[in-house]
Amino acid sequence: MSAQPTINTLDVEELRAVVADALELPVEEVTDDARFKEDLDVDSLVSLEIAVRIEEQYGIRVDDSDLADLGTFRLISELVRDRVAGRSAA
């Protein structure tokens, strides 16, 4: 398992790769404005898989409902960044 990142090491491209891997898509398809449901065809099972991979990679809790509610990769990356920062500050 990789070392848990801090806010200074949170890399959006790394997160994009985690999401793309879970979706079995090329990284280029996971754009900042890609909508999970409409553009990437993410259903509840895939959403859960993404949430688990984010939790494993970053050591933070992300619910699959967070992914559905936020909708775009950009908003998810902001959520992950904020939660990683919160964990680092604790």
N, C-alpha and C. Protein backbone atom coordinates (compact mmCIF):
# COMPACT_ATOMS: atom_id res chain seq x y z
N MET A 1 0.85 -1.18 0.00
CA MET A 1 0.00 0.00 0.00
C MET A 1 0.89 1.24 0.00
N SER A 2 0.52 2.25 -0.72
CA SER A 2 1.32 3.45 -0.80
C SER A 2 1.15 4.30 0.44
N ALA A 3 2.09 5.19 0.67
CA ALA A 3 2.01 6.10 1.80
C ALA A 3 0.81 7.02 1.62
N GLN A 4 0.17 7.36 2.72
CA GLN A 4 -0.99 8.23 2.66
C GLN A 4 -0.54 9.65 2.32
N PRO A 5 -1.14 10.27 1.29
CA PRO A 5 -0.72 11.61 0.89
C PRO A 5 -1.18 12.67 1.88
N THR A 6 -0.49 13.76 1.91
CA THR A 6 -0.94 14.92 2.66
C THR A 6 -1.48 15.91 1.64
N ILE A 7 -2.00 17.02 2.11
CA ILE A 7 -2.56 18.01 1.19
C ILE A 7 -1.50 18.48 0.20
N ASN A 8 -0.24 18.50 0.61
CA ASN A 8 0.82 18.96 -0.28
C ASN A 8 1.12 17.96 -1.38
N THR A 9 0.76 16.69 -1.17
CA THR A 9 1.10 15.68 -2.17
C THR A 9 -0.13 15.20 -2.93
N LEU A 10 -1.29 15.73 -2.61
CA LEU A 10 -2.49 15.31 -3.33
C LEU A 10 -2.35 15.72 -4.79
N ASP A 11 -2.38 14.75 -5.66
CA ASP A 11 -2.16 14.96 -7.08
C ASP A 11 -3.46 14.63 -7.81
N VAL A 12 -4.04 15.62 -8.45
CA VAL A 12 -5.31 15.44 -9.15
C VAL A 12 -5.16 14.39 -10.26
N GLU A 13 -4.01 14.36 -10.91
CA GLU A 13 -3.81 13.36 -11.97
C GLU A 13 -3.75 11.95 -11.40
N GLU A 14 -3.21 11.81 -10.22
CA GLU A 14 -3.21 10.50 -9.55
C GLU A 14 -4.64 10.07 -9.24
N LEU A 15 -5.43 11.00 -8.72
CA LEU A 15 -6.83 10.72 -8.43
C LEU A 15 -7.57 10.38 -9.72
N ARG A 16 -7.29 11.11 -10.78
CA ARG A 16 -7.92 10.84 -12.08
C ARG A 16 -7.59 9.41 -12.53
N ALA A 17 -6.35 8.99 -12.30
CA ALA A 17 -5.93 7.63 -12.67
C ALA A 17 -6.65 6.58 -11.83
N VAL A 18 -6.86 6.86 -10.55
CA VAL A 18 -7.59 5.94 -9.67
C VAL A 18 -9.02 5.78 -10.17
N VAL A 19 -9.66 6.88 -10.51
CA VAL A 19 -11.04 6.84 -11.01
C VAL A 19 -11.09 6.14 -12.37
N ALA A 20 -10.19 6.47 -13.26
CA ALA A 20 -10.17 5.84 -14.59
C ALA A 20 -9.96 4.34 -14.48
N ASP A 21 -9.08 3.93 -13.59
CA ASP A 21 -8.82 2.50 -13.39
C ASP A 21 -10.08 1.78 -12.90
N ALA A 22 -10.78 2.39 -11.96
CA ALA A 22 -12.03 1.80 -11.46
C ALA A 22 -13.08 1.69 -12.57
N LEU A 23 -13.07 2.67 -13.47
CA LEU A 23 -14.04 2.69 -14.58
C LEU A 23 -13.58 1.87 -15.78
N GLU A 24 -12.32 1.44 -15.73
CA GLU A 24 -11.71 0.73 -16.86
C GLU A 24 -11.80 1.57 -18.13
N LEU A 25 -11.43 2.85 -17.96
CA LEU A 25 -11.44 3.82 -19.06
C LEU A 25 -10.06 4.44 -19.18
N PRO A 26 -9.73 4.97 -20.36
CA PRO A 26 -8.49 5.74 -20.48
C PRO A 26 -8.58 6.99 -19.61
N VAL A 27 -7.48 7.39 -19.03
CA VAL A 27 -7.44 8.56 -18.16
C VAL A 27 -7.99 9.79 -18.87
N GLU A 28 -7.75 9.90 -20.17
CA GLU A 28 -8.18 11.08 -20.93
C GLU A 28 -9.69 11.26 -20.92
N GLU A 29 -10.45 10.20 -20.70
CA GLU A 29 -11.91 10.32 -20.70
C GLU A 29 -12.45 10.87 -19.39
N VAL A 30 -11.63 10.85 -18.34
CA VAL A 30 -12.06 11.38 -17.04
C VAL A 30 -11.62 12.84 -16.97
N THR A 31 -12.35 13.68 -17.67
CA THR A 31 -12.04 15.11 -17.70
C THR A 31 -12.58 15.79 -16.45
N ASP A 32 -12.13 17.01 -16.20
CA ASP A 32 -12.60 17.74 -15.02
C ASP A 32 -14.12 17.88 -15.00
N ASP A 33 -14.70 18.10 -16.16
CA ASP A 33 -16.15 18.33 -16.23
C ASP A 33 -16.95 17.08 -16.59
N ALA A 34 -16.29 15.93 -16.63
CA ALA A 34 -17.00 14.68 -16.94
C ALA A 34 -18.01 14.39 -15.83
N ARG A 35 -19.25 14.20 -16.23
CA ARG A 35 -20.30 13.88 -15.27
C ARG A 35 -20.33 12.35 -15.11
N PHE A 36 -20.31 11.91 -13.87
CA PHE A 36 -20.20 10.47 -13.63
C PHE A 36 -21.33 9.68 -14.26
N LYS A 37 -22.56 10.09 -14.02
CA LYS A 37 -23.69 9.32 -14.56
C LYS A 37 -23.86 9.53 -16.06
N GLU A 38 -23.93 10.77 -16.48
CA GLU A 38 -24.29 11.09 -17.86
C GLU A 38 -23.16 10.81 -18.86
N ASP A 39 -21.92 11.14 -18.49
CA ASP A 39 -20.82 11.02 -19.44
C ASP A 39 -20.03 9.72 -19.30
N LEU A 40 -19.91 9.24 -18.07
CA LEU A 40 -19.07 8.07 -17.82
C LEU A 40 -19.87 6.81 -17.50
N ASP A 41 -21.19 6.92 -17.54
CA ASP A 41 -22.09 5.77 -17.30
C ASP A 41 -21.81 5.07 -15.98
N VAL A 42 -21.58 5.84 -14.93
CA VAL A 42 -21.33 5.27 -13.60
C VAL A 42 -22.66 4.91 -12.96
N ASP A 43 -22.79 3.62 -12.60
CA ASP A 43 -23.99 3.19 -11.87
C ASP A 43 -23.61 3.04 -10.40
N SER A 44 -24.54 2.58 -9.57
CA SER A 44 -24.29 2.52 -8.13
C SER A 44 -23.17 1.55 -7.77
N LEU A 45 -23.05 0.44 -8.48
CA LEU A 45 -22.00 -0.52 -8.19
C LEU A 45 -20.62 0.05 -8.52
N VAL A 46 -20.50 0.71 -9.65
CA VAL A 46 -19.23 1.33 -10.04
C VAL A 46 -18.91 2.49 -9.11
N SER A 47 -19.92 3.23 -8.71
CA SER A 47 -19.73 4.33 -7.77
C SER A 47 -19.16 3.81 -6.45
N LEU A 48 -19.64 2.69 -5.99
CA LEU A 48 -19.13 2.08 -4.77
C LEU A 48 -17.67 1.66 -4.96
N GLU A 49 -17.33 1.11 -6.12
CA GLU A 49 -15.96 0.71 -6.41
C GLU A 49 -15.02 1.92 -6.40
N ILE A 50 -15.46 3.03 -6.98
CA ILE A 50 -14.65 4.25 -6.97
C ILE A 50 -14.44 4.73 -5.54
N ALA A 51 -15.50 4.73 -4.74
CA ALA A 51 -15.42 5.17 -3.35
C ALA A 51 -14.42 4.31 -2.57
N VAL A 52 -14.46 3.00 -2.77
CA VAL A 52 -13.54 2.10 -2.07
C VAL A 52 -12.10 2.39 -2.48
N ARG A 53 -11.87 2.58 -3.76
CA ARG A 53 -10.50 2.83 -4.23
C ARG A 53 -9.97 4.17 -3.71
N ILE A 54 -10.83 5.17 -3.64
CA ILE A 54 -10.41 6.46 -3.08
C ILE A 54 -10.06 6.29 -1.60
N GLU A 55 -10.90 5.56 -0.88
CA GLU A 55 -10.63 5.32 0.54
C GLU A 55 -9.31 4.59 0.73
N GLU A 56 -9.05 3.58 -0.10
CA GLU A 56 -7.79 2.83 0.00
C GLU A 56 -6.59 3.70 -0.33
N GLN A 57 -6.71 4.51 -1.34
CA GLN A 57 -5.58 5.33 -1.80
C GLN A 57 -5.27 6.48 -0.85
N TYR A 58 -6.33 7.13 -0.33
CA TYR A 58 -6.14 8.37 0.42
C TYR A 58 -6.45 8.27 1.90
N GLY A 59 -6.97 7.13 2.35
CA GLY A 59 -7.24 6.96 3.77
C GLY A 59 -8.36 7.84 4.30
N ILE A 60 -9.31 8.18 3.45
CA ILE A 60 -10.44 9.02 3.85
C ILE A 60 -11.74 8.30 3.53
N ARG A 61 -12.80 8.70 4.16
CA ARG A 61 -14.11 8.10 3.92
C ARG A 61 -14.83 8.91 2.85
N VAL A 62 -15.24 8.22 1.80
CA VAL A 62 -16.05 8.82 0.74
C VAL A 62 -17.21 7.87 0.47
N ASP A 63 -18.41 8.35 0.62
CA ASP A 63 -19.58 7.52 0.34
C ASP A 63 -19.88 7.54 -1.14
N ASP A 64 -20.41 6.43 -1.63
CA ASP A 64 -20.79 6.40 -3.04
C ASP A 64 -21.87 7.44 -3.32
N SER A 65 -22.66 7.78 -2.30
CA SER A 65 -23.67 8.83 -2.50
C SER A 65 -23.02 10.20 -2.70
N ASP A 66 -21.83 10.42 -2.09
CA ASP A 66 -21.09 11.66 -2.34
C ASP A 66 -20.78 11.80 -3.82
N LEU A 67 -20.35 10.70 -4.42
CA LEU A 67 -20.01 10.71 -5.84
C LEU A 67 -21.23 11.05 -6.69
N ALA A 68 -22.35 10.45 -6.36
CA ALA A 68 -23.57 10.70 -7.13
C ALA A 68 -24.05 12.13 -6.95
N ASP A 69 -23.98 12.63 -5.71
CA ASP A 69 -24.46 13.99 -5.42
C ASP A 69 -23.60 15.06 -6.08
N LEU A 70 -22.29 14.86 -6.08
CA LEU A 70 -21.40 15.87 -6.63
C LEU A 70 -21.37 15.84 -8.14
N GLY A 71 -21.33 14.65 -8.69
CA GLY A 71 -21.51 14.51 -10.13
C GLY A 71 -20.32 14.61 -11.05
N THR A 72 -19.44 15.59 -10.87
CA THR A 72 -18.32 15.74 -11.81
C THR A 72 -16.99 15.40 -11.14
N PHE A 73 -16.02 15.05 -11.96
CA PHE A 73 -14.69 14.74 -11.43
C PHE A 73 -14.11 15.92 -10.68
N ARG A 74 -14.27 17.12 -11.21
CA ARG A 74 -13.73 18.31 -10.55
C ARG A 74 -14.26 18.44 -9.12
N LEU A 75 -15.55 18.25 -8.94
CA LEU A 75 -16.14 18.37 -7.60
C LEU A 75 -15.68 17.24 -6.69
N ILE A 76 -15.53 16.05 -7.24
CA ILE A 76 -15.03 14.93 -6.45
C ILE A 76 -13.59 15.21 -6.01
N SER A 77 -12.78 15.73 -6.92
CA SER A 77 -11.38 16.01 -6.56
C SER A 77 -11.30 17.08 -5.46
N GLU A 78 -12.21 18.05 -5.49
CA GLU A 78 -12.25 19.07 -4.44
C GLU A 78 -12.64 18.44 -3.10
N LEU A 79 -13.60 17.53 -3.13
CA LEU A 79 -14.02 16.82 -1.92
C LEU A 79 -12.85 16.02 -1.34
N VAL A 80 -12.16 15.27 -2.19
CA VAL A 80 -11.02 14.47 -1.74
C VAL A 80 -9.94 15.37 -1.16
N ARG A 81 -9.62 16.44 -1.85
CA ARG A 81 -8.61 17.39 -1.36
C ARG A 81 -8.98 17.93 0.01
N ASP A 82 -10.23 18.34 0.18
CA ASP A 82 -10.68 18.90 1.45
C ASP A 82 -10.64 17.86 2.58
N ARG A 83 -11.02 16.63 2.27
CA ARG A 83 -11.00 15.59 3.30
C ARG A 83 -9.59 15.16 3.65
N VAL A 84 -8.72 15.12 2.67
CA VAL A 84 -7.31 14.82 2.95
C VAL A 84 -6.72 15.93 3.81
N ALA A 85 -7.05 17.18 3.51
CA ALA A 85 -6.55 18.30 4.28
C ALA A 85 -7.08 18.22 5.71
N GLY A 86 -8.33 17.85 5.87
CA GLY A 86 -8.92 17.71 7.20
C GLY A 86 -8.26 16.61 8.00
N ARG A 87 -7.94 15.51 7.33
CA ARG A 87 -7.25 14.41 8.00
C ARG A 87 -5.85 14.83 8.40
N SER A 88 -5.19 15.59 7.55
CA SER A 88 -3.81 16.02 7.83
C SER A 88 -3.78 17.02 8.98
N ALA A 89 -4.83 17.82 9.11
CA ALA A 89 -4.88 18.83 10.17
C ALA A 89 -5.21 18.22 11.52
N ALA A 90 -5.80 17.03 11.49
CA ALA A 90 -6.23 16.41 12.75
C ALA A 90 -5.06 15.89 13.56
